[in-house]
Amino acid sequence: QVQLVESGGGLVHAGESLRLSCTASGFTLDDRAIGWFRQVPGLEREGISCRTRGDAAAYDKDSVKGRFTISRDNAKNTVYLQMNNVKPEDTGIYYCAADPGYHGADYYCQTRYLELWGQGTLVTVSS
C-alpha cells in the first residue's frame, strides 16, 4: 500500500521543541521531492519546508527559517521536521507530501502540487 503516515504532533509550550515524522510505505522517499505543509482552520494549506529530489534545492517559509529543519533518514524511509523554539502561530495540522517530479522546491511549496499526501498530525502551541 502506497502511503505516507505522519506522527509526532501534540501540545507543546512556546519555546519548546517537537519533531514530526513522516514514514513512507510502498515506495522510496529518497527519489521523491518532499514537503511539509501546515493548515489552520479557515485558511489555505501553506508550504513550510520543501526539498527537491536528492535535496538538491530547498525552500523554507521565512517565518520558520532558523527554527525548523527538514531532514531525511533513507534507511528508515522517513522524513522529519524538527521544530525548535515553537511559537503559538505554528499551531496547525501538519501534512507531509511527496512527488516523483523534478520541479523546484519553491514550486512544490507554493503550488502544493504533490502527488501523495499523509493524513496530517495536529500541533498545538500554547503561549
PDB file of N, CA and C in Angstrom:
ATOM      1  N   GLN A   1       0.843  -1.191   0.000  1.00  0.00           N
ATOM      2  CA  GLN A   1       0.000   0.000   0.000  1.00  0.00           C
ATOM      3  C   GLN A   1       0.878   1.241   0.000  1.00  0.00           C
ATOM      4  N   VAL A   2       0.644   2.121  -0.960  1.00  0.00           N
ATOM      5  CA  VAL A   2       1.418   3.352  -1.075  1.00  0.00           C
ATOM      6  C   VAL A   2       0.795   4.399  -0.164  1.00  0.00           C
ATOM      7  N   GLN A   3       1.564   4.858   0.821  1.00  0.00           N
ATOM      8  CA  GLN A   3       1.021   5.862   1.726  1.00  0.00           C
ATOM      9  C   GLN A   3       2.129   6.571   2.489  1.00  0.00           C
ATOM     10  N   LEU A   4       1.742   7.714   3.049  1.00  0.00           N
ATOM     11  CA  LEU A   4       2.579   8.483   3.968  1.00  0.00           C
ATOM     12  C   LEU A   4       1.838   8.576   5.288  1.00  0.00           C
ATOM     13  N   VAL A   5       2.540   8.371   6.376  1.00  0.00           N
ATOM     14  CA  VAL A   5       1.924   8.447   7.694  1.00  0.00           C
ATOM     15  C   VAL A   5       2.736   9.380   8.574  1.00  0.00           C
ATOM     16  N   GLU A   6       2.088  10.464   9.016  1.00  0.00           N
ATOM     17  CA  GLU A   6       2.743  11.417   9.909  1.00  0.00           C
ATOM     18  C   GLU A   6       2.516  11.020  11.365  1.00  0.00           C
ATOM     19  N   SER A   7       3.448  11.437  12.195  1.00  0.00           N
ATOM     20  CA  SER A   7       3.306  11.239  13.638  1.00  0.00           C
ATOM     21  C   SER A   7       4.148  12.290  14.350  1.00  0.00           C
ATOM     22  N   GLY A   8       3.952  12.394  15.660  1.00  0.00           N
ATOM     23  CA  GLY A   8       4.777  13.283  16.455  1.00  0.00           C
ATOM     24  C   GLY A   8       4.109  14.570  16.890  1.00  0.00           C
ATOM     25  N   GLY A   9       2.907  14.826  16.411  1.00  0.00           N
ATOM     26  CA  GLY A   9       2.215  16.042  16.815  1.00  0.00           C
ATOM     27  C   GLY A   9       1.789  15.973  18.275  1.00  0.00           C
ATOM     28  N   GLY A  10       1.382  17.110  18.805  1.00  0.00           N
ATOM     29  CA  GLY A  10       0.929  17.151  20.181  1.00  0.00           C
ATOM     30  C   GLY A  10       0.839  18.571  20.688  1.00  0.00           C
ATOM     31  N   LEU A  11       0.709  18.699  21.992  1.00  0.00           N
ATOM     32  CA  LEU A  11       0.618  20.002  22.647  1.00  0.00           C
ATOM     33  C   LEU A  11       1.966  20.353  23.263  1.00  0.00           C
ATOM     34  N   VAL A  12       2.496  21.498  22.887  1.00  0.00           N
ATOM     35  CA  VAL A  12       3.759  21.976  23.452  1.00  0.00           C
ATOM     36  C   VAL A  12       3.611  23.434  23.843  1.00  0.00           C
ATOM     37  N   HIS A  13       4.519  23.896  24.670  1.00  0.00           N
ATOM     38  CA  HIS A  13       4.521  25.288  25.075  1.00  0.00           C
ATOM     39  C   HIS A  13       5.463  26.088  24.176  1.00  0.00           C
ATOM     40  N   ALA A  14       5.194  27.350  24.057  1.00  0.00           N
ATOM     41  CA  ALA A  14       6.053  28.235  23.271  1.00  0.00           C
ATOM     42  C   ALA A  14       7.489  28.125  23.762  1.00  0.00           C
ATOM     43  N   GLY A  15       8.417  28.065  22.799  1.00  0.00           N
ATOM     44  CA  GLY A  15       9.826  27.950  23.127  1.00  0.00           C
ATOM     45  C   GLY A  15      10.346  26.526  23.174  1.00  0.00           C
ATOM     46  N   GLU A  16       9.440  25.555  23.212  1.00  0.00           N
ATOM     47  CA  GLU A  16       9.858  24.156  23.259  1.00  0.00           C
ATOM     48  C   GLU A  16      10.108  23.610  21.858  1.00  0.00           C
ATOM     49  N   SER A  17      10.495  22.334  21.809  1.00  0.00           N
ATOM     50  CA  SER A  17      10.798  21.679  20.537  1.00  0.00           C
ATOM     51  C   SER A  17       9.892  20.476  20.324  1.00  0.00           C
ATOM     52  N   LEU A  18       9.760  20.119  19.052  1.00  0.00           N
ATOM     53  CA  LEU A  18       8.924  18.983  18.670  1.00  0.00           C
ATOM     54  C   LEU A  18       9.484  18.442  17.367  1.00  0.00           C
ATOM     55  N   ARG A  19       9.454  17.117  17.195  1.00  0.00           N
ATOM     56  CA  ARG A  19       9.894  16.539  15.932  1.00  0.00           C
ATOM     57  C   ARG A  19       8.753  15.736  15.324  1.00  0.00           C
ATOM     58  N   LEU A  20       8.387  16.109  14.118  1.00  0.00           N
ATOM     59  CA  LEU A  20       7.378  15.377  13.361  1.00  0.00           C
ATOM     60  C   LEU A  20       8.065  14.357  12.448  1.00  0.00           C
ATOM     61  N   SER A  21       7.416  13.220  12.281  1.00  0.00           N
ATOM     62  CA  SER A  21       7.931  12.169  11.401  1.00  0.00           C
ATOM     63  C   SER A  21       6.924  11.879  10.299  1.00  0.00           C
ATOM     64  N   CYS A  22       7.438  11.481   9.167  1.00  0.00           N
ATOM     65  CA  CYS A  22       6.597  11.104   8.030  1.00  0.00           C
ATOM     66  C   CYS A  22       7.230   9.857   7.406  1.00  0.00           C
ATOM     67  N   THR A  23       6.588   8.741   7.583  1.00  0.00           N
ATOM     68  CA  THR A  23       7.132   7.472   7.103  1.00  0.00           C
ATOM     69  C   THR A  23       6.376   6.992   5.873  1.00  0.00           C
ATOM     70  N   ALA A  24       7.137   6.622   4.859  1.00  0.00           N
ATOM     71  CA  ALA A  24       6.549   6.165   3.610  1.00  0.00           C
ATOM     72  C   ALA A  24       6.502   4.645   3.557  1.00  0.00           C
ATOM     73  N   SER A  25       5.501   4.132   2.893  1.00  0.00           N
ATOM     74  CA  SER A  25       5.429   2.704   2.616  1.00  0.00           C
ATOM     75  C   SER A  25       4.982   2.523   1.176  1.00  0.00           C
ATOM     76  N   GLY A  26       5.471   1.473   0.551  1.00  0.00           N
ATOM     77  CA  GLY A  26       5.095   1.178  -0.821  1.00  0.00           C
ATOM     78  C   GLY A  26       5.931   1.882  -1.869  1.00  0.00           C
ATOM     79  N   PHE A  27       6.823   2.763  -1.463  1.00  0.00           N
ATOM     80  CA  PHE A  27       7.720   3.452  -2.376  1.00  0.00           C
ATOM     81  C   PHE A  27       8.892   3.989  -1.573  1.00  0.00           C
ATOM     82  N   THR A  28       9.913   4.503  -2.303  1.00  0.00           N
ATOM     83  CA  THR A  28      11.118   5.004  -1.656  1.00  0.00           C
ATOM     84  C   THR A  28      11.114   6.511  -1.653  1.00  0.00           C
ATOM     85  N   LEU A  29      11.283   7.094  -0.470  1.00  0.00           N
ATOM     86  CA  LEU A  29      11.240   8.547  -0.347  1.00  0.00           C
ATOM     87  C   LEU A  29      12.461   9.247  -0.919  1.00  0.00           C
ATOM     88  N   ASP A  30      13.605   8.561  -0.972  1.00  0.00           N
ATOM     89  CA  ASP A  30      14.816   9.274  -1.361  1.00  0.00           C
ATOM     90  C   ASP A  30      14.849   9.636  -2.839  1.00  0.00           C
ATOM     91  N   ASP A  31      13.900   9.126  -3.632  1.00  0.00           N
ATOM     92  CA  ASP A  31      13.819   9.570  -5.022  1.00  0.00           C
ATOM     93  C   ASP A  31      12.543  10.361  -5.269  1.00  0.00           C
ATOM     94  N   ARG A  32      12.107  11.066  -4.226  1.00  0.00           N
ATOM     95  CA  ARG A  32      10.934  11.931  -4.315  1.00  0.00           C
ATOM     96  C   ARG A  32      11.275  13.327  -3.821  1.00  0.00           C
ATOM     97  N   ALA A  33      10.632  14.327  -4.397  1.00  0.00           N
ATOM     98  CA  ALA A  33      10.582  15.634  -3.752  1.00  0.00           C
ATOM     99  C   ALA A  33       9.671  15.506  -2.541  1.00  0.00           C
ATOM    100  N   ILE A  34       9.977  16.242  -1.493  1.00  0.00           N
ATOM    101  CA  ILE A  34       9.198  16.131  -0.264  1.00  0.00           C
ATOM    102  C   ILE A  34       8.852  17.514   0.267  1.00  0.00           C
ATOM    103  N   GLY A  35       7.837  17.544   1.101  1.00  0.00           N
ATOM    104  CA  GLY A  35       7.473  18.820   1.689  1.00  0.00           C
ATOM    105  C   GLY A  35       6.648  18.646   2.949  1.00  0.00           C
ATOM    106  N   TRP A  36       6.717  19.644   3.802  1.00  0.00           N
ATOM    107  CA  TRP A  36       5.853  19.745   4.977  1.00  0.00           C
ATOM    108  C   TRP A  36       4.969  20.977   4.793  1.00  0.00           C
ATOM    109  N   PHE A  37       3.704  20.805   5.115  1.00  0.00           N
ATOM    110  CA  PHE A  37       2.718  21.853   4.929  1.00  0.00           C
ATOM    111  C   PHE A  37       1.909  21.994   6.220  1.00  0.00           C
ATOM    112  N   ARG A  38       1.328  23.171   6.392  1.00  0.00           N
ATOM    113  CA  ARG A  38       0.544  23.454   7.601  1.00  0.00           C
ATOM    114  C   ARG A  38      -0.801  24.037   7.195  1.00  0.00           C
ATOM    115  N   GLN A  39      -1.826  23.601   7.897  1.00  0.00           N
ATOM    116  CA  GLN A  39      -3.152  24.165   7.641  1.00  0.00           C
ATOM    117  C   GLN A  39      -3.826  24.552   8.950  1.00  0.00           C
ATOM    118  N   VAL A  40      -4.350  25.768   8.943  1.00  0.00           N
ATOM    119  CA  VAL A  40      -5.115  26.297  10.067  1.00  0.00           C
ATOM    120  C   VAL A  40      -6.559  26.416   9.606  1.00  0.00           C
ATOM    121  N   PRO A  41      -7.536  26.074  10.445  1.00  0.00           N
ATOM    122  CA  PRO A  41      -8.939  26.162  10.020  1.00  0.00           C
ATOM    123  C   PRO A  41      -9.279  27.528   9.437  1.00  0.00           C
ATOM    124  N   GLY A  42      -9.923  27.508   8.272  1.00  0.00           N
ATOM    125  CA  GLY A  42     -10.329  28.741   7.623  1.00  0.00           C
ATOM    126  C   GLY A  42      -9.294  29.332   6.697  1.00  0.00           C
ATOM    127  N   LEU A  43      -8.093  28.753   6.693  1.00  0.00           N
ATOM    128  CA  LEU A  43      -7.021  29.256   5.828  1.00  0.00           C
ATOM    129  C   LEU A  43      -6.551  28.165   4.880  1.00  0.00           C
ATOM    130  N   GLU A  44      -5.892  28.605   3.809  1.00  0.00           N
ATOM    131  CA  GLU A  44      -5.344  27.636   2.864  1.00  0.00           C
ATOM    132  C   GLU A  44      -4.143  26.917   3.475  1.00  0.00           C
ATOM    133  N   ARG A  45      -3.947  25.706   3.006  1.00  0.00           N
ATOM    134  CA  ARG A  45      -2.756  24.966   3.403  1.00  0.00           C
ATOM    135  C   ARG A  45      -1.531  25.679   2.843  1.00  0.00           C
ATOM    136  N   GLU A  46      -0.498  25.851   3.667  1.00  0.00           N
ATOM    137  CA  GLU A  46       0.678  26.595   3.229  1.00  0.00           C
ATOM    138  C   GLU A  46       1.926  25.722   3.306  1.00  0.00           C
ATOM    139  N   GLY A  47       2.844  25.969   2.385  1.00  0.00           N
ATOM    140  CA  GLY A  47       4.099  25.228   2.378  1.00  0.00           C
ATOM    141  C   GLY A  47       5.048  25.770   3.430  1.00  0.00           C
ATOM    142  N   ILE A  48       5.589  24.882   4.240  1.00  0.00           N
ATOM    143  CA  ILE A  48       6.514  25.261   5.299  1.00  0.00           C
ATOM    144  C   ILE A  48       7.952  25.022   4.871  1.00  0.00           C
ATOM    145  N   SER A  49       8.212  23.833   4.377  1.00  0.00           N
ATOM    146  CA  SER A  49       9.569  23.461   4.008  1.00  0.00           C
ATOM    147  C   SER A  49       9.501  22.384   2.942  1.00  0.00           C
ATOM    148  N   CYS A  50      10.217  22.587   1.849  1.00  0.00           N
ATOM    149  CA  CYS A  50      10.207  21.628   0.743  1.00  0.00           C
ATOM    150  C   CYS A  50      11.625  21.374   0.251  1.00  0.00           C
ATOM    151  N   ARG A  51      11.841  20.173  -0.227  1.00  0.00           N
ATOM    152  CA  ARG A  51      13.127  19.803  -0.813  1.00  0.00           C
ATOM    153  C   ARG A  51      12.860  19.050  -2.102  1.00  0.00           C
ATOM    154  N   THR A  52      13.745  19.257  -3.085  1.00  0.00           N
ATOM    155  CA  THR A  52      13.650  18.515  -4.327  1.00  0.00           C
ATOM    156  C   THR A  52      14.264  17.121  -4.157  1.00  0.00           C
ATOM    157  N   ARG A  53      14.161  16.331  -5.194  1.00  0.00           N
ATOM    158  CA  ARG A  53      14.784  15.005  -5.169  1.00  0.00           C
ATOM    159  C   ARG A  53      16.259  15.148  -4.867  1.00  0.00           C
ATOM    160  N   GLY A  54      16.756  14.302  -4.005  1.00  0.00           N
ATOM    161  CA  GLY A  54      18.155  14.370  -3.613  1.00  0.00           C
ATOM    162  C   GLY A  54      18.514  15.616  -2.820  1.00  0.00           C
ATOM    163  N   ASP A  55      17.519  16.354  -2.361  1.00  0.00           N
ATOM    164  CA  ASP A  55      17.743  17.580  -1.583  1.00  0.00           C
ATOM    165  C   ASP A  55      18.633  18.576  -2.343  1.00  0.00           C
ATOM    166  N   ALA A  56      18.488  18.593  -3.654  1.00  0.00           N
ATOM    167  CA  ALA A  56      19.314  19.482  -4.469  1.00  0.00           C
ATOM    168  C   ALA A  56      18.932  20.942  -4.293  1.00  0.00           C
ATOM    169  N   ALA A  57      17.681  21.192  -3.983  1.00  0.00           N
ATOM    170  CA  ALA A  57      17.208  22.559  -3.784  1.00  0.00           C
ATOM    171  C   ALA A  57      16.262  22.587  -2.598  1.00  0.00           C
ATOM    172  N   ALA A  58      16.183  23.755  -1.984  1.00  0.00           N
ATOM    173  CA  ALA A  58      15.403  23.893  -0.752  1.00  0.00           C
ATOM    174  C   ALA A  58      14.531  25.132  -0.798  1.00  0.00           C
ATOM    175  N   TYR A  59      13.424  25.053  -0.100  1.00  0.00           N
ATOM    176  CA  TYR A  59      12.565  26.213   0.144  1.00  0.00           C
ATOM    177  C   TYR A  59      12.082  26.113   1.573  1.00  0.00           C
ATOM    178  N   ASP A  60      12.209  27.209   2.303  1.00  0.00           N
ATOM    179  CA  ASP A  60      11.676  27.270   3.658  1.00  0.00           C
ATOM    180  C   ASP A  60      10.914  28.576   3.823  1.00  0.00           C
ATOM    181  N   LYS A  61       9.765  28.487   4.413  1.00  0.00           N
ATOM    182  CA  LYS A  61       8.971  29.687   4.686  1.00  0.00           C
ATOM    183  C   LYS A  61       9.761  30.609   5.609  1.00  0.00           C
ATOM    184  N   ASP A  62       9.715  31.908   5.351  1.00  0.00           N
ATOM    185  CA  ASP A  62      10.525  32.857   6.123  1.00  0.00           C
ATOM    186  C   ASP A  62      10.296  32.731   7.621  1.00  0.00           C
ATOM    187  N   SER A  63       9.056  32.499   8.014  1.00  0.00           N
ATOM    188  CA  SER A  63       8.738  32.503   9.443  1.00  0.00           C
ATOM    189  C   SER A  63       9.326  31.309  10.194  1.00  0.00           C
ATOM    190  N   VAL A  64       9.817  30.288   9.466  1.00  0.00           N
ATOM    191  CA  VAL A  64      10.387  29.128  10.150  1.00  0.00           C
ATOM    192  C   VAL A  64      11.885  29.000   9.953  1.00  0.00           C
ATOM    193  N   LYS A  65      12.465  29.872   9.141  1.00  0.00           N
ATOM    194  CA  LYS A  65      13.909  29.804   8.915  1.00  0.00           C
ATOM    195  C   LYS A  65      14.661  29.992  10.228  1.00  0.00           C
ATOM    196  N   GLY A  66      15.640  29.115  10.442  1.00  0.00           N
ATOM    197  CA  GLY A  66      16.407  29.168  11.680  1.00  0.00           C
ATOM    198  C   GLY A  66      15.750  28.436  12.838  1.00  0.00           C
ATOM    199  N   ARG A  67      14.505  27.993  12.656  1.00  0.00           N
ATOM    200  CA  ARG A  67      13.807  27.271  13.727  1.00  0.00           C
ATOM    201  C   ARG A  67      13.418  25.851  13.303  1.00  0.00           C
ATOM    202  N   PHE A  68      12.982  25.674  12.075  1.00  0.00           N
ATOM    203  CA  PHE A  68      12.536  24.356  11.594  1.00  0.00           C
ATOM    204  C   PHE A  68      13.573  23.788  10.636  1.00  0.00           C
ATOM    205  N   THR A  69      13.775  22.486  10.715  1.00  0.00           N
ATOM    206  CA  THR A  69      14.714  21.807   9.827  1.00  0.00           C
ATOM    207  C   THR A  69      14.063  20.537   9.296  1.00  0.00           C
ATOM    208  N   ILE A  70      14.074  20.384   7.977  1.00  0.00           N
ATOM    209  CA  ILE A  70      13.574  19.168   7.348  1.00  0.00           C
ATOM    210  C   ILE A  70      14.761  18.257   7.054  1.00  0.00           C
ATOM    211  N   SER A  71      14.594  16.973   7.266  1.00  0.00           N
ATOM    212  CA  SER A  71      15.682  16.035   7.002  1.00  0.00           C
ATOM    213  C   SER A  71      15.102  14.683   6.607  1.00  0.00           C
ATOM    214  N   ARG A  72      15.955  13.881   6.000  1.00  0.00           N
ATOM    215  CA  ARG A  72      15.547  12.534   5.586  1.00  0.00           C
ATOM    216  C   ARG A  72      16.404  11.490   6.293  1.00  0.00           C
ATOM    217  N   ASP A  73      15.811  10.345   6.589  1.00  0.00           N
ATOM    218  CA  ASP A  73      16.551   9.153   7.001  1.00  0.00           C
ATOM    219  C   ASP A  73      16.166   8.070   5.994  1.00  0.00           C
ATOM    220  N   ASN A  74      17.015   7.893   4.998  1.00  0.00           N
ATOM    221  CA  ASN A  74      16.670   6.966   3.920  1.00  0.00           C
ATOM    222  C   ASN A  74      16.578   5.523   4.411  1.00  0.00           C
ATOM    223  N   ALA A  75      17.382   5.188   5.400  1.00  0.00           N
ATOM    224  CA  ALA A  75      17.338   3.819   5.927  1.00  0.00           C
ATOM    225  C   ALA A  75      15.974   3.508   6.542  1.00  0.00           C
ATOM    226  N   LYS A  76      15.333   4.527   7.111  1.00  0.00           N
ATOM    227  CA  LYS A  76      14.017   4.349   7.726  1.00  0.00           C
ATOM    228  C   LYS A  76      12.890   4.783   6.796  1.00  0.00           C
ATOM    229  N   ASN A  77      13.255   5.260   5.600  1.00  0.00           N
ATOM    230  CA  ASN A  77      12.261   5.737   4.637  1.00  0.00           C
ATOM    231  C   ASN A  77      11.338   6.781   5.290  1.00  0.00           C
ATOM    232  N   THR A  78      11.970   7.696   6.006  1.00  0.00           N
ATOM    233  CA  THR A  78      11.244   8.664   6.825  1.00  0.00           C
ATOM    234  C   THR A  78      11.806  10.059   6.621  1.00  0.00           C
ATOM    235  N   VAL A  79      10.911  11.028   6.646  1.00  0.00           N
ATOM    236  CA  VAL A  79      11.269  12.440   6.606  1.00  0.00           C
ATOM    237  C   VAL A  79      10.855  13.062   7.926  1.00  0.00           C
ATOM    238  N   TYR A  80      11.687  13.965   8.418  1.00  0.00           N
ATOM    239  CA  TYR A  80      11.406  14.601   9.703  1.00  0.00           C
ATOM    240  C   TYR A  80      11.246  16.108   9.526  1.00  0.00           C
ATOM    241  N   LEU A  81      10.531  16.712  10.443  1.00  0.00           N
ATOM    242  CA  LEU A  81      10.508  18.163  10.583  1.00  0.00           C
ATOM    243  C   LEU A  81      10.833  18.467  12.038  1.00  0.00           C
ATOM    244  N   GLN A  82      12.046  18.920  12.258  1.00  0.00           N
ATOM    245  CA  GLN A  82      12.458  19.306  13.603  1.00  0.00           C
ATOM    246  C   GLN A  82      12.008  20.747  13.826  1.00  0.00           C
ATOM    247  N   MET A  83      11.196  20.946  14.845  1.00  0.00           N
ATOM    248  CA  MET A  83      10.617  22.255  15.133  1.00  0.00           C
ATOM    249  C   MET A  83      11.187  22.727  16.460  1.00  0.00           C
ATOM    250  N   ASN A  84      11.995  23.770  16.414  1.00  0.00           N
ATOM    251  CA  ASN A  84      12.589  24.336  17.627  1.00  0.00           C
ATOM    252  C   ASN A  84      12.012  25.708  17.907  1.00  0.00           C
ATOM    253  N   ASN A  85      12.060  26.097  19.179  1.00  0.00           N
ATOM    254  CA  ASN A  85      11.572  27.425  19.573  1.00  0.00           C
ATOM    255  C   ASN A  85      10.193  27.709  18.954  1.00  0.00           C
ATOM    256  N   VAL A  86       9.272  26.782  19.167  1.00  0.00           N
ATOM    257  CA  VAL A  86       7.962  26.919  18.536  1.00  0.00           C
ATOM    258  C   VAL A  86       7.215  28.127  19.104  1.00  0.00           C
ATOM    259  N   LYS A  87       6.304  28.642  18.286  1.00  0.00           N
ATOM    260  CA  LYS A  87       5.514  29.809  18.642  1.00  0.00           C
ATOM    261  C   LYS A  87       4.030  29.464  18.496  1.00  0.00           C
ATOM    262  N   PRO A  88       3.149  30.187  19.174  1.00  0.00           N
ATOM    263  CA  PRO A  88       1.711  29.899  19.039  1.00  0.00           C
ATOM    264  C   PRO A  88       1.235  29.921  17.588  1.00  0.00           C
ATOM    265  N   GLU A  89       1.843  30.773  16.772  1.00  0.00           N
ATOM    266  CA  GLU A  89       1.426  30.841  15.358  1.00  0.00           C
ATOM    267  C   GLU A  89       1.873  29.633  14.544  1.00  0.00           C
ATOM    268  N   ASP A  90       2.639  28.733  15.131  1.00  0.00           N
ATOM    269  CA  ASP A  90       2.995  27.485  14.463  1.00  0.00           C
ATOM    270  C   ASP A  90       1.887  26.432  14.597  1.00  0.00           C
ATOM    271  N   THR A  91       0.883  26.741  15.362  1.00  0.00           N
ATOM    272  CA  THR A  91      -0.222  25.805  15.568  1.00  0.00           C
ATOM    273  C   THR A  91      -0.930  25.486  14.262  1.00  0.00           C
ATOM    274  N   GLY A  92      -1.247  24.223  14.074  1.00  0.00           N
ATOM    275  CA  GLY A  92      -1.978  23.806  12.895  1.00  0.00           C
ATOM    276  C   GLY A  92      -1.853  22.318  12.667  1.00  0.00           C
ATOM    277  N   ILE A  93      -2.489  21.855  11.609  1.00  0.00           N
ATOM    278  CA  ILE A  93      -2.331  20.461  11.198  1.00  0.00           C
ATOM    279  C   ILE A  93      -1.186  20.418  10.193  1.00  0.00           C
ATOM    280  N   TYR A  94      -0.232  19.571  10.471  1.00  0.00           N
ATOM    281  CA  TYR A  94       0.941  19.451   9.618  1.00  0.00           C
ATOM    282  C   TYR A  94       0.824  18.211   8.742  1.00  0.00           C
ATOM    283  N   TYR A  95       1.033  18.423   7.456  1.00  0.00           N
ATOM    284  CA  TYR A  95       0.959  17.357   6.474  1.00  0.00           C
ATOM    285  C   TYR A  95       2.310  17.201   5.787  1.00  0.00           C
ATOM    286  N   CYS A  96       2.692  15.971   5.510  1.00  0.00           N
ATOM    287  CA  CYS A  96       3.829  15.755   4.636  1.00  0.00           C
ATOM    288  C   CYS A  96       3.300  15.292   3.279  1.00  0.00           C
ATOM    289  N   ALA A  97       4.121  15.515   2.263  1.00  0.00           N
ATOM    290  CA  ALA A  97       3.732  15.151   0.913  1.00  0.00           C
ATOM    291  C   ALA A  97       4.970  14.771   0.123  1.00  0.00           C
ATOM    292  N   ALA A  98       4.768  13.977  -0.913  1.00  0.00           N
ATOM    293  CA  ALA A  98       5.880  13.528  -1.753  1.00  0.00           C
ATOM    294  C   ALA A  98       5.457  13.521  -3.219  1.00  0.00           C
ATOM    295  N   ASP A  99       6.442  13.742  -4.085  1.00  0.00           N
ATOM    296  CA  ASP A  99       6.147  13.787  -5.515  1.00  0.00           C
ATOM    297  C   ASP A  99       7.339  13.253  -6.306  1.00  0.00           C
ATOM    298  N   PRO A 100       7.096  12.496  -7.368  1.00  0.00           N
ATOM    299  CA  PRO A 100       8.207  11.952  -8.155  1.00  0.00           C
ATOM    300  C   PRO A 100       8.765  12.918  -9.194  1.00  0.00           C
ATOM    301  N   GLY A 101       8.212  14.119  -9.279  1.00  0.00           N
ATOM    302  CA  GLY A 101       8.603  15.055 -10.319  1.00  0.00           C
ATOM    303  C   GLY A 101       9.916  15.768 -10.055  1.00  0.00           C
ATOM    304  N   TYR A 102      10.226  16.683 -10.983  1.00  0.00           N
ATOM    305  CA  TYR A 102      11.504  17.385 -10.963  1.00  0.00           C
ATOM    306  C   TYR A 102      11.332  18.899 -10.874  1.00  0.00           C
ATOM    307  N   HIS A 103      10.262  19.353 -10.289  1.00  0.00           N
ATOM    308  CA  HIS A 103      10.056  20.781 -10.141  1.00  0.00           C
ATOM    309  C   HIS A 103      10.924  21.334  -9.017  1.00  0.00           C
ATOM    310  N   GLY A 104      10.978  22.671  -8.937  1.00  0.00           N
ATOM    311  CA  GLY A 104      11.763  23.299  -7.888  1.00  0.00           C
ATOM    312  C   GLY A 104      11.099  23.213  -6.532  1.00  0.00           C
ATOM    313  N   ALA A 105      11.897  23.396  -5.498  1.00  0.00           N
ATOM    314  CA  ALA A 105      11.367  23.308  -4.140  1.00  0.00           C
ATOM    315  C   ALA A 105      10.327  24.392  -3.888  1.00  0.00           C
ATOM    316  N   ASP A 106      10.582  25.584  -4.415  1.00  0.00           N
ATOM    317  CA  ASP A 106       9.616  26.671  -4.225  1.00  0.00           C
ATOM    318  C   ASP A 106       8.309  26.363  -4.957  1.00  0.00           C
ATOM    319  N   TYR A 107       8.403  25.720  -6.104  1.00  0.00           N
ATOM    320  CA  TYR A 107       7.205  25.329  -6.856  1.00  0.00           C
ATOM    321  C   TYR A 107       6.322  24.430  -5.995  1.00  0.00           C
ATOM    322  N   TYR A 108       6.925  23.424  -5.404  1.00  0.00           N
ATOM    323  CA  TYR A 108       6.136  22.491  -4.606  1.00  0.00           C
ATOM    324  C   TYR A 108       5.504  23.174  -3.403  1.00  0.00           C
ATOM    325  N   CYS A 109       6.258  24.001  -2.709  1.00  0.00           N
ATOM    326  CA  CYS A 109       5.717  24.635  -1.502  1.00  0.00           C
ATOM    327  C   CYS A 109       4.658  25.682  -1.833  1.00  0.00           C
ATOM    328  N   GLN A 110       4.796  26.332  -2.977  1.00  0.00           N
ATOM    329  CA  GLN A 110       3.859  27.404  -3.319  1.00  0.00           C
ATOM    330  C   GLN A 110       2.607  26.898  -4.026  1.00  0.00           C
ATOM    331  N   THR A 111       2.727  25.816  -4.799  1.00  0.00           N
ATOM    332  CA  THR A 111       1.563  25.318  -5.542  1.00  0.00           C
ATOM    333  C   THR A 111       0.850  24.182  -4.822  1.00  0.00           C
ATOM    334  N   ARG A 112       1.556  23.493  -3.964  1.00  0.00           N
ATOM    335  CA  ARG A 112       1.039  22.316  -3.267  1.00  0.00           C
ATOM    336  C   ARG A 112       0.717  21.177  -4.238  1.00  0.00           C
ATOM    337  N   TYR A 113       1.313  21.194  -5.425  1.00  0.00           N
ATOM    338  CA  TYR A 113       1.058  20.158  -6.419  1.00  0.00           C
ATOM    339  C   TYR A 113       2.004  18.981  -6.173  1.00  0.00           C
ATOM    340  N   LEU A 114       1.709  18.187  -5.160  1.00  0.00           N
ATOM    341  CA  LEU A 114       2.447  16.964  -4.889  1.00  0.00           C
ATOM    342  C   LEU A 114       1.485  15.794  -4.971  1.00  0.00           C
ATOM    343  N   GLU A 115       2.000  14.661  -5.401  1.00  0.00           N
ATOM    344  CA  GLU A 115       1.159  13.513  -5.742  1.00  0.00           C
ATOM    345  C   GLU A 115       0.538  12.830  -4.533  1.00  0.00           C
ATOM    346  N   LEU A 116       1.300  12.659  -3.508  1.00  0.00           N
ATOM    347  CA  LEU A 116       0.839  11.840  -2.378  1.00  0.00           C
ATOM    348  C   LEU A 116       0.924  12.636  -1.084  1.00  0.00           C
ATOM    349  N   TRP A 117      -0.131  12.554  -0.288  1.00  0.00           N
ATOM    350  CA  TRP A 117      -0.216  13.290   0.963  1.00  0.00           C
ATOM    351  C   TRP A 117      -0.516  12.340   2.124  1.00  0.00           C
ATOM    352  N   GLY A 118       0.005  12.701   3.291  1.00  0.00           N
ATOM    353  CA  GLY A 118      -0.356  11.995   4.508  1.00  0.00           C
ATOM    354  C   GLY A 118      -1.661  12.527   5.073  1.00  0.00           C
ATOM    355  N   GLN A 119      -2.059  11.964   6.208  1.00  0.00           N
ATOM    356  CA  GLN A 119      -3.350  12.317   6.792  1.00  0.00           C
ATOM    357  C   GLN A 119      -3.263  13.505   7.740  1.00  0.00           C
ATOM    358  N   GLY A 120      -2.047  13.899   8.093  1.00  0.00           N
ATOM    359  CA  GLY A 120      -1.849  15.069   8.945  1.00  0.00           C
ATOM    360  C   GLY A 120      -1.687  14.715  10.407  1.00  0.00           C
ATOM    361  N   THR A 121      -0.975  15.591  11.112  1.00  0.00           N
ATOM    362  CA  THR A 121      -0.809  15.456  12.559  1.00  0.00           C
ATOM    363  C   THR A 121      -0.942  16.843  13.178  1.00  0.00           C
ATOM    364  N   LEU A 122      -1.680  16.937  14.269  1.00  0.00           N
ATOM    365  CA  LEU A 122      -2.008  18.228  14.863  1.00  0.00           C
ATOM    366  C   LEU A 122      -0.916  18.683  15.814  1.00  0.00           C
ATOM    367  N   VAL A 123      -0.489  19.919  15.626  1.00  0.00           N
ATOM    368  CA  VAL A 123       0.459  20.559  16.536  1.00  0.00           C
ATOM    369  C   VAL A 123      -0.235  21.765  17.156  1.00  0.00           C
ATOM    370  N   THR A 124      -0.231  21.801  18.473  1.00  0.00           N
ATOM    371  CA  THR A 124      -0.819  22.926  19.192  1.00  0.00           C
ATOM    372  C   THR A 124       0.248  23.530  20.090  1.00  0.00           C
ATOM    373  N   VAL A 125       0.492  24.833  19.905  1.00  0.00           N
ATOM    374  CA  VAL A 125       1.498  25.529  20.700  1.00  0.00           C
ATOM    375  C   VAL A 125       0.787  26.517  21.610  1.00  0.00           C
ATOM    376  N   SER A 126       0.949  26.334  22.891  1.00  0.00           N
ATOM    377  CA  SER A 126       0.327  27.235  23.851  1.00  0.00           C
ATOM    378  C   SER A 126       1.316  28.327  24.247  1.00  0.00           C
ATOM    379  N   SER A 127       0.770  29.496  24.561  1.00  0.00           N
ATOM    380  CA  SER A 127       1.634  30.638  24.916  1.00  0.00           C
ATOM    381  C   SER A 127       1.973  30.642  26.393  1.00  0.00           C
TER     382      SER A 127
END
